[in-house]
């Protein structure tokens, strides 16, 4: 499906990953690595409880945008705080 999208529309399409909690899908990283390798930009909607700095800084996955669901706003603020603290280690 991703290759069909690329063939028909190019890589200017933004892939939005939604539905429940995407990070619970056991092949999430494998799929997002494929999307990244195919040169698509992507983002996801998440409740933010499973987002870690390691996820945000994975060079093989690299989300462009993460939107917290309403109930995930508190977890996202916490995650962003951790991300800012940890980002110094990855620069």
N, C-alpha and C. Protein backbone atom coordinates (compact mmCIF):
# COMPACT_ATOMS: atom_id res chain seq x y z
N UNK A 1 0.81 -1.19 0.00
CA UNK A 1 0.00 0.00 0.00
C UNK A 1 0.86 1.26 0.00
N UNK A 2 1.90 1.29 0.81
CA UNK A 2 2.79 2.45 0.87
C UNK A 2 3.47 2.66 -0.48
N UNK A 3 3.90 1.58 -1.09
CA UNK A 3 4.54 1.70 -2.42
C UNK A 3 3.54 2.17 -3.47
N UNK A 4 2.29 1.73 -3.36
CA UNK A 4 1.25 2.20 -4.28
C UNK A 4 1.03 3.71 -4.13
N UNK A 5 1.00 4.17 -2.89
CA UNK A 5 0.84 5.61 -2.65
C UNK A 5 2.02 6.37 -3.24
N UNK A 6 3.21 5.86 -3.03
CA UNK A 6 4.40 6.51 -3.56
C UNK A 6 4.37 6.55 -5.09
N UNK A 7 3.98 5.44 -5.70
CA UNK A 7 3.94 5.36 -7.15
C UNK A 7 2.90 6.33 -7.74
N UNK A 8 1.75 6.44 -7.09
CA UNK A 8 0.66 7.26 -7.61
C UNK A 8 0.71 8.73 -7.20
N UNK A 9 1.29 9.02 -6.04
CA UNK A 9 1.25 10.39 -5.53
C UNK A 9 2.61 10.97 -5.16
N UNK A 10 3.65 10.15 -5.21
CA UNK A 10 4.97 10.62 -4.79
C UNK A 10 5.09 10.61 -3.27
N UNK A 11 6.16 11.19 -2.77
CA UNK A 11 6.41 11.18 -1.33
C UNK A 11 5.97 12.48 -0.66
N UNK A 12 5.23 13.31 -1.38
CA UNK A 12 4.73 14.55 -0.78
C UNK A 12 3.53 14.29 0.13
N UNK A 13 3.00 13.07 0.09
CA UNK A 13 1.89 12.69 0.95
C UNK A 13 2.40 12.56 2.39
N UNK A 14 1.64 13.12 3.32
CA UNK A 14 1.97 12.99 4.75
C UNK A 14 1.20 11.79 5.29
N UNK A 15 1.90 10.84 5.90
CA UNK A 15 1.27 9.64 6.46
C UNK A 15 0.87 9.94 7.91
N UNK A 16 -0.43 9.90 8.19
CA UNK A 16 -0.95 10.15 9.54
C UNK A 16 -1.35 8.81 10.16
N UNK A 17 -0.70 8.44 11.25
CA UNK A 17 -0.94 7.18 11.93
C UNK A 17 -1.87 7.46 13.11
N UNK A 18 -3.07 6.85 13.08
CA UNK A 18 -4.06 7.10 14.13
C UNK A 18 -4.72 5.79 14.53
N UNK A 19 -5.71 5.90 15.37
CA UNK A 19 -6.53 4.74 15.71
C UNK A 19 -6.07 4.07 16.98
N UNK A 20 -6.78 4.24 18.04
CA UNK A 20 -6.34 3.65 19.30
C UNK A 20 -4.99 4.22 19.67
N UNK A 21 -4.09 3.39 20.11
CA UNK A 21 -2.72 3.80 20.44
C UNK A 21 -1.77 3.10 19.48
N UNK A 22 -1.24 3.83 18.48
CA UNK A 22 -0.36 3.20 17.47
C UNK A 22 0.83 2.46 18.06
N UNK A 23 1.35 2.92 19.18
CA UNK A 23 2.54 2.29 19.76
C UNK A 23 2.26 0.90 20.33
N UNK A 24 1.00 0.53 20.46
CA UNK A 24 0.66 -0.82 20.92
C UNK A 24 0.75 -1.86 19.81
N UNK A 25 0.79 -1.41 18.57
CA UNK A 25 0.90 -2.33 17.43
C UNK A 25 2.29 -2.95 17.46
N UNK A 26 2.37 -4.27 17.49
CA UNK A 26 3.66 -4.94 17.69
C UNK A 26 4.65 -4.74 16.53
N UNK A 27 4.17 -4.35 15.37
CA UNK A 27 5.09 -4.11 14.25
C UNK A 27 5.18 -2.62 13.92
N UNK A 28 4.85 -1.77 14.89
CA UNK A 28 4.84 -0.32 14.67
C UNK A 28 6.18 0.19 14.16
N UNK A 29 7.27 -0.15 14.84
CA UNK A 29 8.58 0.37 14.46
C UNK A 29 9.03 -0.17 13.10
N UNK A 30 8.72 -1.42 12.83
CA UNK A 30 9.04 -2.01 11.54
C UNK A 30 8.31 -1.27 10.41
N UNK A 31 7.03 -1.00 10.62
CA UNK A 31 6.24 -0.28 9.63
C UNK A 31 6.73 1.15 9.45
N UNK A 32 6.99 1.84 10.54
CA UNK A 32 7.43 3.24 10.44
C UNK A 32 8.84 3.36 9.86
N UNK A 33 9.68 2.36 10.10
CA UNK A 33 10.99 2.34 9.48
C UNK A 33 10.83 2.21 7.96
N UNK A 34 9.90 1.37 7.52
CA UNK A 34 9.63 1.21 6.10
C UNK A 34 9.12 2.53 5.51
N UNK A 35 8.18 3.17 6.19
CA UNK A 35 7.64 4.46 5.74
C UNK A 35 8.76 5.48 5.63
N UNK A 36 9.62 5.52 6.64
CA UNK A 36 10.77 6.44 6.64
C UNK A 36 11.73 6.12 5.49
N UNK A 37 12.02 4.84 5.28
CA UNK A 37 12.92 4.43 4.20
C UNK A 37 12.37 4.79 2.82
N UNK A 38 11.04 4.81 2.71
CA UNK A 38 10.40 5.17 1.45
C UNK A 38 10.33 6.70 1.28
N UNK A 39 10.91 7.43 2.24
CA UNK A 39 11.07 8.89 2.20
C UNK A 39 9.77 9.67 2.42
N UNK A 40 8.83 9.06 3.13
CA UNK A 40 7.62 9.78 3.50
C UNK A 40 7.84 10.51 4.83
N UNK A 41 7.17 11.62 4.99
CA UNK A 41 7.07 12.26 6.30
C UNK A 41 5.84 11.66 6.96
N UNK A 42 5.89 11.50 8.27
CA UNK A 42 4.76 10.91 8.97
C UNK A 42 4.62 11.48 10.36
N UNK A 43 3.45 11.30 10.91
CA UNK A 43 3.17 11.71 12.27
C UNK A 43 2.11 10.79 12.85
N UNK A 44 1.82 10.97 14.13
CA UNK A 44 0.83 10.09 14.74
C UNK A 44 0.05 10.81 15.82
N UNK A 45 -1.12 10.29 16.09
CA UNK A 45 -1.92 10.70 17.24
C UNK A 45 -1.71 9.64 18.30
N UNK A 46 -1.40 10.09 19.50
CA UNK A 46 -1.06 9.17 20.58
C UNK A 46 -1.60 9.70 21.90
N UNK A 47 -1.83 8.80 22.85
CA UNK A 47 -2.17 9.27 24.18
C UNK A 47 -0.90 9.67 24.95
N UNK A 48 0.24 9.46 24.34
CA UNK A 48 1.56 9.91 24.82
C UNK A 48 2.11 9.15 26.02
N UNK A 49 1.41 8.18 26.51
CA UNK A 49 1.90 7.47 27.68
C UNK A 49 3.06 6.53 27.36
N UNK A 50 3.20 6.12 26.10
CA UNK A 50 4.27 5.20 25.72
C UNK A 50 5.42 5.89 24.97
N UNK A 51 5.34 7.19 24.81
CA UNK A 51 6.38 7.92 24.08
C UNK A 51 7.57 8.16 24.99
N UNK A 52 8.74 7.81 24.50
CA UNK A 52 9.98 7.99 25.25
C UNK A 52 10.95 8.81 24.42
N UNK A 53 11.96 9.39 25.04
CA UNK A 53 12.99 10.10 24.26
C UNK A 53 13.64 9.19 23.23
N UNK A 54 13.82 7.91 23.58
CA UNK A 54 14.42 6.97 22.63
C UNK A 54 13.57 6.86 21.36
N UNK A 55 12.27 6.87 21.51
CA UNK A 55 11.38 6.83 20.35
C UNK A 55 11.56 8.08 19.50
N UNK A 56 11.60 9.21 20.14
CA UNK A 56 11.65 10.48 19.41
C UNK A 56 12.97 10.70 18.69
N UNK A 57 14.02 10.06 19.14
CA UNK A 57 15.34 10.27 18.54
C UNK A 57 15.84 9.08 17.74
N UNK A 58 14.97 8.14 17.43
CA UNK A 58 15.37 6.98 16.62
C UNK A 58 15.61 7.44 15.18
N UNK A 59 16.82 7.33 14.66
CA UNK A 59 17.08 7.79 13.30
C UNK A 59 16.38 6.95 12.23
N UNK A 60 15.99 5.72 12.56
CA UNK A 60 15.34 4.86 11.58
C UNK A 60 13.84 5.08 11.51
N UNK A 61 13.30 5.90 12.39
CA UNK A 61 11.85 6.11 12.44
C UNK A 61 11.47 7.58 12.28
N UNK A 62 12.04 8.46 13.06
CA UNK A 62 11.86 9.92 13.02
C UNK A 62 10.47 10.44 12.68
N UNK A 63 9.58 10.51 13.67
CA UNK A 63 8.29 11.12 13.42
C UNK A 63 8.45 12.62 13.18
N UNK A 64 7.62 13.18 12.33
CA UNK A 64 7.64 14.61 12.06
C UNK A 64 6.75 15.34 13.05
N UNK A 65 5.65 14.70 13.42
CA UNK A 65 4.68 15.35 14.30
C UNK A 65 3.99 14.30 15.15
N UNK A 66 3.83 14.62 16.44
CA UNK A 66 3.07 13.77 17.35
C UNK A 66 2.00 14.64 17.99
N UNK A 67 0.75 14.25 17.84
CA UNK A 67 -0.37 15.00 18.39
C UNK A 67 -0.96 14.21 19.54
N UNK A 68 -0.94 14.78 20.76
CA UNK A 68 -1.52 14.03 21.88
C UNK A 68 -3.04 14.06 21.83
N UNK A 69 -3.67 12.93 22.15
CA UNK A 69 -5.11 12.89 22.30
C UNK A 69 -5.46 13.68 23.54
N UNK A 70 -6.69 14.08 23.67
CA UNK A 70 -7.12 14.91 24.79
C UNK A 70 -6.66 14.35 26.13
N UNK A 71 -6.84 13.07 26.36
CA UNK A 71 -6.45 12.46 27.63
C UNK A 71 -4.94 12.31 27.78
N UNK A 72 -4.21 12.51 26.69
CA UNK A 72 -2.76 12.35 26.74
C UNK A 72 -2.00 13.65 26.94
N UNK A 73 -2.71 14.75 27.08
CA UNK A 73 -2.03 16.06 27.17
C UNK A 73 -1.07 16.12 28.35
N UNK A 74 -1.47 15.62 29.50
CA UNK A 74 -0.60 15.64 30.67
C UNK A 74 0.64 14.78 30.44
N UNK A 75 0.44 13.59 29.90
CA UNK A 75 1.56 12.70 29.61
C UNK A 75 2.49 13.33 28.57
N UNK A 76 1.91 14.04 27.59
CA UNK A 76 2.73 14.67 26.57
C UNK A 76 3.59 15.79 27.17
N UNK A 77 3.03 16.58 28.07
CA UNK A 77 3.85 17.63 28.72
C UNK A 77 5.02 17.00 29.46
N UNK A 78 4.76 15.91 30.16
CA UNK A 78 5.82 15.19 30.86
C UNK A 78 6.86 14.67 29.87
N UNK A 79 6.38 14.08 28.78
CA UNK A 79 7.29 13.53 27.76
C UNK A 79 8.13 14.63 27.13
N UNK A 80 7.53 15.77 26.83
CA UNK A 80 8.29 16.88 26.24
C UNK A 80 9.35 17.36 27.22
N UNK A 81 9.02 17.40 28.50
CA UNK A 81 10.02 17.78 29.51
C UNK A 81 11.20 16.82 29.52
N UNK A 82 10.92 15.53 29.48
CA UNK A 82 11.98 14.53 29.42
C UNK A 82 12.77 14.69 28.13
N UNK A 83 12.06 14.90 27.03
CA UNK A 83 12.71 15.03 25.73
C UNK A 83 13.69 16.19 25.73
N UNK A 84 13.29 17.33 26.27
CA UNK A 84 14.19 18.49 26.32
C UNK A 84 15.43 18.17 27.15
N UNK A 85 15.23 17.51 28.28
CA UNK A 85 16.34 17.14 29.14
C UNK A 85 17.28 16.16 28.45
N UNK A 86 16.70 15.16 27.77
CA UNK A 86 17.51 14.14 27.14
C UNK A 86 18.13 14.60 25.82
N UNK A 87 17.55 15.61 25.19
CA UNK A 87 18.02 16.02 23.86
C UNK A 87 19.49 16.45 23.87
N UNK A 88 19.95 16.94 24.97
CA UNK A 88 21.36 17.34 25.06
C UNK A 88 22.30 16.16 24.84
N UNK A 89 21.83 14.97 25.22
CA UNK A 89 22.65 13.76 25.06
C UNK A 89 22.72 13.31 23.60
N UNK A 90 21.74 13.71 22.79
CA UNK A 90 21.66 13.25 21.42
C UNK A 90 22.20 14.26 20.42
N UNK A 91 22.56 15.44 20.88
CA UNK A 91 23.05 16.48 19.97
C UNK A 91 24.53 16.31 19.71
